């Protein structure tokens, strides 16, 4: 994986920001909408979400069974993350492995490429038109499709990273049967962004924090310092405004269905305190803290470089306790 370089002047600042863990997810944004299935059968078959701007593609895995089985909708995190948990800079297959683990446990799954990403690239549109609600609507469309399929007796939503917030809202809106948050943030995105920027020089914070505050209030900012253009360019500001207004703790509290919260202790992007914040908001939720699991659901220590090396290792298996937590939760439904 490409390592973050050290920058000694302001001209190179955009390079620093671009590789802040978690911030990179803001730099490739996409869109979503309605639902329709195609060629659905047993395992590993294509599913298509029909939208006004193009088709969104997914993979459905259905274990052989004469009786209806549960199905899990897997929602990926921010940025150019595809249905398998990969992006153009790294391949780890974390979400593909999650689907395969579910399949081995007798549970079906559907995972998909977000619009503008991978095979769904043509469904993307101008980023200035993207809103966080588009992702919610798309997830809701997939849930409704799965609910109509007679092969499934329960629809469970699993959201990873930013997909956690998307998933918990879509699950409530569509009446899903259960929800699983994996490495989901516990605070609004504006607070997360500020927290990540705290490691930057003071002049960066002095420039960025007022912009974040204005966006939080719903106001766009016309004059953006070129150093911060990668984060706050005018075309992405409407999306940030729509994203900042959602508080994960407030949204998870609205759920009236079984909830599982999973968080790893060596996650470089989301911390255990985030999971604890979600648990505090939904006291009935089950909380599982997985020792030694990082953000891409693999075993890793606290050493940052070695931890990041796992992000580009597609053959490294999932943390076994992560798989155990999900299967145990599903069996309890």
Protein backbone atom coordinates (compact mmCIF):
# COMPACT_ATOMS: atom_id res chain seq x y z
CA UNK A 1 0.00 0.00 0.00
CA UNK A 2 1.14 3.53 -0.76
CA UNK A 3 2.42 5.14 2.44
CA UNK A 4 1.65 8.70 3.44
CA UNK A 5 4.50 11.02 2.54
CA UNK A 6 5.73 13.77 4.82
CA UNK A 7 4.96 17.25 3.54
CA UNK A 8 6.92 20.30 4.59
CA UNK A 9 5.10 23.10 2.81
CA UNK A 10 1.57 24.30 2.31
CA UNK A 11 1.53 23.50 -1.38
CA UNK A 12 1.65 19.80 -0.53
CA UNK A 13 -1.05 19.94 2.15
CA UNK A 14 -3.75 18.44 -0.05
CA UNK A 15 -1.62 15.31 -0.26
CA UNK A 16 -1.60 14.98 3.52
CA UNK A 17 -5.35 15.37 3.79
CA UNK A 18 -6.04 13.00 0.96
CA UNK A 19 -4.51 10.13 2.89
CA UNK A 20 -5.90 10.78 6.35
CA UNK A 21 -7.58 7.43 7.24
CA UNK A 22 -11.29 7.83 6.84
CA UNK A 23 -11.06 11.15 4.99
CA UNK A 24 -10.12 9.48 1.73
CA UNK A 25 -13.66 8.16 1.66
CA UNK A 26 -14.92 11.65 0.86
CA UNK A 27 -12.99 11.91 -2.37
CA UNK A 28 -14.95 9.54 -4.64
CA UNK A 29 -18.70 9.94 -4.26
CA UNK A 30 -21.57 8.27 -6.13
CA UNK A 31 -25.43 7.86 -6.47
CA UNK A 32 -28.34 5.24 -6.17
CA UNK A 33 -32.26 4.62 -6.50
CA UNK A 34 -34.96 1.94 -7.40
CA UNK A 35 -34.83 -1.89 -7.49
CA UNK A 36 -35.28 -4.87 -9.74
CA UNK A 37 -33.71 -8.33 -9.78
CA UNK A 38 -32.19 -10.25 -12.66
CA UNK A 39 -31.02 -13.85 -13.11
CA UNK A 40 -31.60 -14.72 -9.45
CA UNK A 41 -31.01 -18.32 -8.49
CA UNK A 42 -28.85 -20.30 -6.13
CA UNK A 43 -25.41 -18.82 -5.50
CA UNK A 44 -23.16 -16.14 -6.91
CA UNK A 45 -25.69 -14.67 -9.30
CA UNK A 46 -26.04 -11.15 -10.55
CA UNK A 47 -28.64 -8.77 -9.19
CA UNK A 48 -29.42 -5.41 -10.70
CA UNK A 49 -30.86 -2.30 -9.13
CA UNK A 50 -32.55 -0.28 -11.88
CA UNK A 51 -32.14 3.45 -11.42
CA UNK A 52 -32.95 6.57 -13.39
CA UNK A 53 -29.28 7.06 -14.17
CA UNK A 54 -28.25 3.47 -14.82
CA UNK A 55 -27.94 -0.01 -13.36
CA UNK A 56 -26.32 -0.82 -10.04
CA UNK A 57 -24.85 -4.30 -9.83
CA UNK A 58 -24.66 -6.73 -6.94
CA UNK A 59 -23.96 -10.36 -6.10
CA UNK A 60 -26.50 -12.64 -4.46
CA UNK A 61 -25.32 -15.75 -2.62
CA UNK A 62 -28.08 -18.19 -1.69
CA UNK A 63 -27.27 -21.50 0.01
CA UNK A 64 -29.14 -24.53 -1.24
CA UNK A 65 -32.24 -25.03 0.90
CA UNK A 66 -35.80 -26.20 0.38
CA UNK A 67 -37.00 -23.79 3.04
CA UNK A 68 -36.72 -19.99 3.18
CA UNK A 69 -33.51 -18.70 4.74
CA UNK A 70 -32.41 -15.35 6.22
CA UNK A 71 -30.68 -12.92 3.86
CA UNK A 72 -28.19 -10.22 4.82
CA UNK A 73 -27.82 -7.02 2.82
CA UNK A 74 -24.16 -5.96 3.07
CA UNK A 75 -23.54 -2.22 2.70
CA UNK A 76 -19.97 -1.07 2.12
CA UNK A 77 -18.30 2.00 3.60
CA UNK A 78 -17.42 5.37 2.10
CA UNK A 79 -15.60 6.29 -1.05
CA UNK A 80 -14.76 4.01 -3.98
CA UNK A 81 -15.37 0.79 -2.02
CA UNK A 82 -16.86 -1.98 -4.15
CA UNK A 83 -19.12 -4.89 -3.21
CA UNK A 84 -16.13 -6.95 -2.05
CA UNK A 85 -14.71 -4.32 0.30
CA UNK A 86 -11.98 -3.28 -2.13
CA UNK A 87 -11.01 0.01 -3.78
CA UNK A 88 -8.55 1.03 -6.53
CA UNK A 89 -5.69 1.33 -4.03
CA UNK A 90 -6.13 -1.90 -2.09
CA UNK A 91 -7.68 -5.36 -2.22
CA UNK A 92 -8.68 -7.14 0.98
CA UNK A 93 -11.95 -8.94 0.04
CA UNK A 94 -13.38 -8.31 3.50
CA UNK A 95 -17.01 -8.03 2.39
CA UNK A 96 -16.71 -10.87 -0.10
CA UNK A 97 -15.37 -13.06 2.71
CA UNK A 98 -18.23 -11.93 4.94
CA UNK A 99 -20.72 -13.06 2.31
CA UNK A 100 -18.94 -16.39 1.95
CA UNK A 101 -18.91 -16.91 5.72
CA UNK A 102 -22.66 -16.28 5.79
CA UNK A 103 -23.13 -18.73 2.92
CA UNK A 104 -21.21 -21.40 4.84
CA UNK A 105 -23.53 -20.76 7.80
CA UNK A 106 -26.63 -21.30 5.65
CA UNK A 107 -27.45 -17.60 5.31
CA UNK A 108 -27.97 -15.77 2.02
CA UNK A 109 -26.44 -12.37 1.28
CA UNK A 110 -26.54 -9.56 -1.22
CA UNK A 111 -23.67 -7.10 -1.65
CA UNK A 112 -23.39 -4.41 -4.29
CA UNK A 113 -21.20 -1.83 -5.99
CA UNK A 114 -22.39 1.66 -5.16
CA UNK A 115 -23.34 3.84 -8.10
CA UNK A 116 -20.32 5.33 -9.76
CA UNK A 117 -18.14 2.50 -8.42
CA UNK A 118 -16.77 -0.60 -10.19
CA UNK A 119 -19.41 -2.28 -12.37
CA UNK A 120 -21.98 0.35 -11.31
CA UNK A 121 -19.79 3.16 -12.62
CA UNK A 122 -22.23 4.23 -15.34
CA UNK A 123 -24.97 4.79 -12.77
CA UNK A 124 -22.98 7.63 -11.24
CA UNK A 125 -23.83 11.24 -11.84
CA UNK A 126 -22.31 14.64 -11.12
CA UNK A 127 -21.16 14.71 -7.49
CA UNK A 128 -22.83 18.09 -7.00
CA UNK A 129 -26.18 16.29 -7.20
CA UNK A 130 -25.30 13.57 -4.70
CA UNK A 131 -26.93 13.55 -1.28
CA UNK A 132 -26.52 11.15 1.63
CA UNK A 133 -30.20 10.30 1.25
CA UNK A 134 -29.42 8.77 -2.15
CA UNK A 135 -27.43 6.04 -0.43
CA UNK A 136 -30.23 5.49 2.07
CA UNK A 137 -32.81 5.23 -0.71
CA UNK A 138 -30.68 2.74 -2.59
CA UNK A 139 -30.21 0.50 0.43
CA UNK A 140 -33.96 0.71 1.05
CA UNK A 141 -34.56 -0.36 -2.54
CA UNK A 142 -32.44 -3.47 -2.11
CA UNK A 143 -34.21 -4.30 1.16
CA UNK A 144 -37.63 -4.03 -0.47
CA UNK A 145 -36.47 -6.30 -3.27
CA UNK A 146 -35.26 -8.93 -0.81
CA UNK A 147 -38.47 -8.71 1.24
CA UNK A 148 -40.47 -9.62 -1.87
CA UNK A 149 -38.38 -12.71 -2.56
CA UNK A 150 -40.12 -15.80 -1.16
CA UNK A 151 -36.82 -17.62 -0.68
CA UNK A 152 -36.04 -15.38 2.28
CA UNK A 153 -37.81 -15.38 5.64
CA UNK A 154 -35.88 -12.51 7.24
CA UNK A 155 -33.96 -9.51 5.90
CA UNK A 156 -31.03 -8.39 8.02
CA UNK A 157 -29.00 -5.28 7.20
CA UNK A 158 -25.25 -5.25 7.81
CA UNK A 159 -23.52 -1.90 7.37
CA UNK A 160 -19.75 -1.53 7.47
CA UNK A 161 -18.15 1.81 8.40
CA UNK A 162 -20.25 4.59 6.79
CA UNK A 163 -22.56 1.80 5.62
CA UNK A 164 -23.58 1.41 9.26
CA UNK A 165 -25.33 4.80 9.31
CA UNK A 166 -26.86 4.21 5.89
CA UNK A 167 -28.02 0.76 6.95
CA UNK A 168 -29.60 1.69 10.26
CA UNK A 169 -31.74 4.39 8.62
CA UNK A 170 -32.74 2.21 5.68
CA UNK A 171 -33.51 -0.71 8.02
CA UNK A 172 -35.92 1.42 10.03
CA UNK A 173 -37.59 2.95 6.97
CA UNK A 174 -38.25 -0.44 5.35
CA UNK A 175 -39.03 -2.57 8.39
CA UNK A 176 -36.02 -4.87 8.16
CA UNK A 177 -35.89 -7.70 10.70
CA UNK A 178 -32.52 -6.92 12.29
CA UNK A 179 -29.48 -4.69 11.96
CA UNK A 180 -25.73 -5.26 12.33
CA UNK A 181 -23.32 -2.36 12.69
CA UNK A 182 -19.72 -3.26 11.87
CA UNK A 183 -17.07 -0.61 12.61
CA UNK A 184 -19.74 2.06 12.55
CA UNK A 185 -19.07 5.59 13.75
CA UNK A 186 -20.83 6.76 16.89
CA UNK A 187 -20.76 10.50 16.15
CA UNK A 188 -21.87 12.75 13.27
CA UNK A 189 -19.48 13.04 10.33
CA UNK A 190 -18.59 16.67 11.05
CA UNK A 191 -17.29 15.71 14.48
CA UNK A 192 -15.33 12.80 13.02
CA UNK A 193 -13.79 15.05 10.40
CA UNK A 194 -12.69 17.54 13.03
CA UNK A 195 -11.23 14.77 15.17
CA UNK A 196 -9.16 13.47 12.27
CA UNK A 197 -7.97 16.93 11.33
CA UNK A 198 -6.71 17.56 14.88
CA UNK A 199 -3.48 15.79 13.98
CA UNK A 200 -2.79 18.37 11.26
CA UNK A 201 -0.91 21.66 11.78
CA UNK A 202 -2.82 24.46 13.48
CA UNK A 203 -3.19 26.47 10.27
CA UNK A 204 -5.06 23.56 8.71
CA UNK A 205 -7.52 23.47 11.59
CA UNK A 206 -7.90 27.24 11.49
CA UNK A 207 -8.88 27.01 7.83
CA UNK A 208 -11.00 23.85 8.01
CA UNK A 209 -13.00 24.11 11.22
CA UNK A 210 -14.96 27.27 10.24
CA UNK A 211 -15.87 25.61 6.94
CA UNK A 212 -17.12 22.50 8.74
CA UNK A 213 -19.16 24.66 11.13
CA UNK A 214 -20.85 26.49 8.24
CA UNK A 215 -21.62 23.25 6.42
CA UNK A 216 -23.07 21.84 9.64
CA UNK A 217 -25.51 24.77 9.68
CA UNK A 218 -26.51 24.00 6.10
CA UNK A 219 -24.60 26.84 4.47
CA UNK A 220 -22.22 26.41 1.54
CA UNK A 221 -18.85 28.15 1.49
CA UNK A 222 -17.85 30.02 -1.65
CA UNK A 223 -14.16 30.71 -1.04
CA UNK A 224 -12.17 27.56 -0.31
CA UNK A 225 -8.43 27.72 0.20
CA UNK A 226 -6.80 25.57 -2.52
CA UNK A 227 -5.11 23.57 0.24
CA UNK A 228 -8.53 22.26 1.32
CA UNK A 229 -10.12 21.90 -2.08
CA UNK A 230 -9.90 18.11 -2.04
CA UNK A 231 -12.14 18.03 1.04
CA UNK A 232 -14.42 21.03 0.61
CA UNK A 233 -14.62 21.77 -3.11
CA UNK A 234 -17.97 23.44 -3.95
CA UNK A 235 -19.32 20.41 -5.81
CA UNK A 236 -19.03 18.14 -2.76
CA UNK A 237 -20.39 20.59 -0.20
CA UNK A 238 -24.10 19.70 -0.72
CA UNK A 239 -23.26 16.07 0.03
CA UNK A 240 -21.35 17.00 3.17
CA UNK A 241 -24.26 19.15 4.37
CA UNK A 242 -26.67 16.25 3.86
CA UNK A 243 -24.29 13.83 5.64
CA UNK A 244 -23.47 16.06 8.61
CA UNK A 245 -27.09 16.29 9.73
CA UNK A 246 -27.29 12.61 10.69
CA UNK A 247 -26.22 11.48 14.16
CA UNK A 248 -25.60 7.69 14.32
CA UNK A 249 -26.45 7.54 18.03
CA UNK A 250 -29.76 9.28 17.45
CA UNK A 251 -30.60 7.09 14.46
CA UNK A 252 -29.79 3.77 16.09
CA UNK A 253 -31.96 4.73 19.04
CA UNK A 254 -34.96 4.80 16.70
CA UNK A 255 -34.60 1.11 15.83
CA UNK A 256 -37.13 -1.29 17.36
CA UNK A 257 -35.50 -4.44 16.00
CA UNK A 258 -32.64 -6.66 17.24
CA UNK A 259 -29.29 -4.88 16.84
CA UNK A 260 -25.73 -6.18 16.94
CA UNK A 261 -22.80 -3.77 17.25
CA UNK A 262 -19.35 -5.15 16.39
CA UNK A 263 -16.11 -3.24 16.83
CA UNK A 264 -12.44 -4.23 16.68
CA UNK A 265 -9.86 -2.97 19.17
CA UNK A 266 -7.14 -2.28 16.58
CA UNK A 267 -9.33 -0.35 14.13
CA UNK A 268 -7.35 2.69 12.92
CA UNK A 269 -10.43 4.58 11.74
CA UNK A 270 -13.23 3.81 14.18
CA UNK A 271 -12.69 3.32 17.90
CA UNK A 272 -14.24 1.17 20.61
CA UNK A 273 -15.73 4.34 22.10
CA UNK A 274 -17.81 4.70 18.91
CA UNK A 275 -19.36 1.29 19.49
CA UNK A 276 -19.93 2.15 23.13
CA UNK A 277 -21.69 5.36 22.08
CA UNK A 278 -24.03 3.37 19.84
CA UNK A 279 -24.65 0.84 22.61
CA UNK A 280 -25.46 3.63 25.07
CA UNK A 281 -28.02 5.00 22.62
CA UNK A 282 -29.61 1.58 22.06
CA UNK A 283 -29.39 -0.19 25.41
CA UNK A 284 -31.08 -3.32 24.05
CA UNK A 285 -28.41 -3.80 21.40
CA UNK A 286 -25.81 -6.54 21.71
CA UNK A 287 -22.24 -5.22 21.78
CA UNK A 288 -19.28 -7.39 20.75
CA UNK A 289 -15.76 -6.01 21.04
CA UNK A 290 -13.33 -8.13 19.01
CA UNK A 291 -9.80 -8.06 20.37
CA UNK A 292 -7.19 -7.57 17.68
CA UNK A 293 -9.58 -6.86 14.78
CA UNK A 294 -8.92 -3.89 12.52
CA UNK A 295 -11.14 -1.82 10.23
CA UNK A 296 -11.15 -4.34 7.40
CA UNK A 297 -12.14 -7.11 9.80
CA UNK A 298 -8.79 -8.90 9.85
CA UNK A 299 -6.46 -9.78 12.71
CA UNK A 300 -3.91 -7.00 13.30
CA UNK A 301 -1.92 -5.41 16.07
CA UNK A 302 -1.55 -1.78 17.07
CA UNK A 303 1.51 -1.14 14.90
CA UNK A 304 0.12 1.21 12.24
CA UNK A 305 2.29 0.11 9.32
CA UNK A 306 1.72 -3.61 9.90
CA UNK A 307 -1.99 -2.96 10.45
CA UNK A 308 -2.23 -1.12 7.13
CA UNK A 309 -0.43 -3.93 5.33
CA UNK A 310 -3.49 -6.12 5.89
CA UNK A 311 -5.57 -3.68 3.81
CA UNK A 312 -3.93 -5.03 0.67
CA UNK A 313 -3.86 -8.73 1.51
CA UNK A 314 -6.84 -10.41 -0.20
CA UNK A 315 -5.92 -13.86 1.08
CA UNK A 316 -5.81 -13.02 4.77
CA UNK A 317 -8.91 -14.51 6.46
CA UNK A 318 -11.47 -12.63 8.49
CA UNK A 319 -11.03 -12.46 12.23
CA UNK A 320 -12.75 -15.66 13.47
CA UNK A 321 -14.44 -13.87 16.38
CA UNK A 322 -16.09 -11.48 13.92
CA UNK A 323 -17.61 -14.37 12.01
CA UNK A 324 -18.65 -16.05 15.25
CA UNK A 325 -20.38 -12.91 16.49
CA UNK A 326 -22.45 -12.53 13.33
CA UNK A 327 -23.48 -16.17 13.07
CA UNK A 328 -24.42 -16.34 16.76
CA UNK A 329 -26.55 -13.22 16.41
CA UNK A 330 -28.32 -14.56 13.32
CA UNK A 331 -28.98 -17.89 15.01
CA UNK A 332 -30.65 -16.04 17.91
CA UNK A 333 -33.20 -14.28 15.69
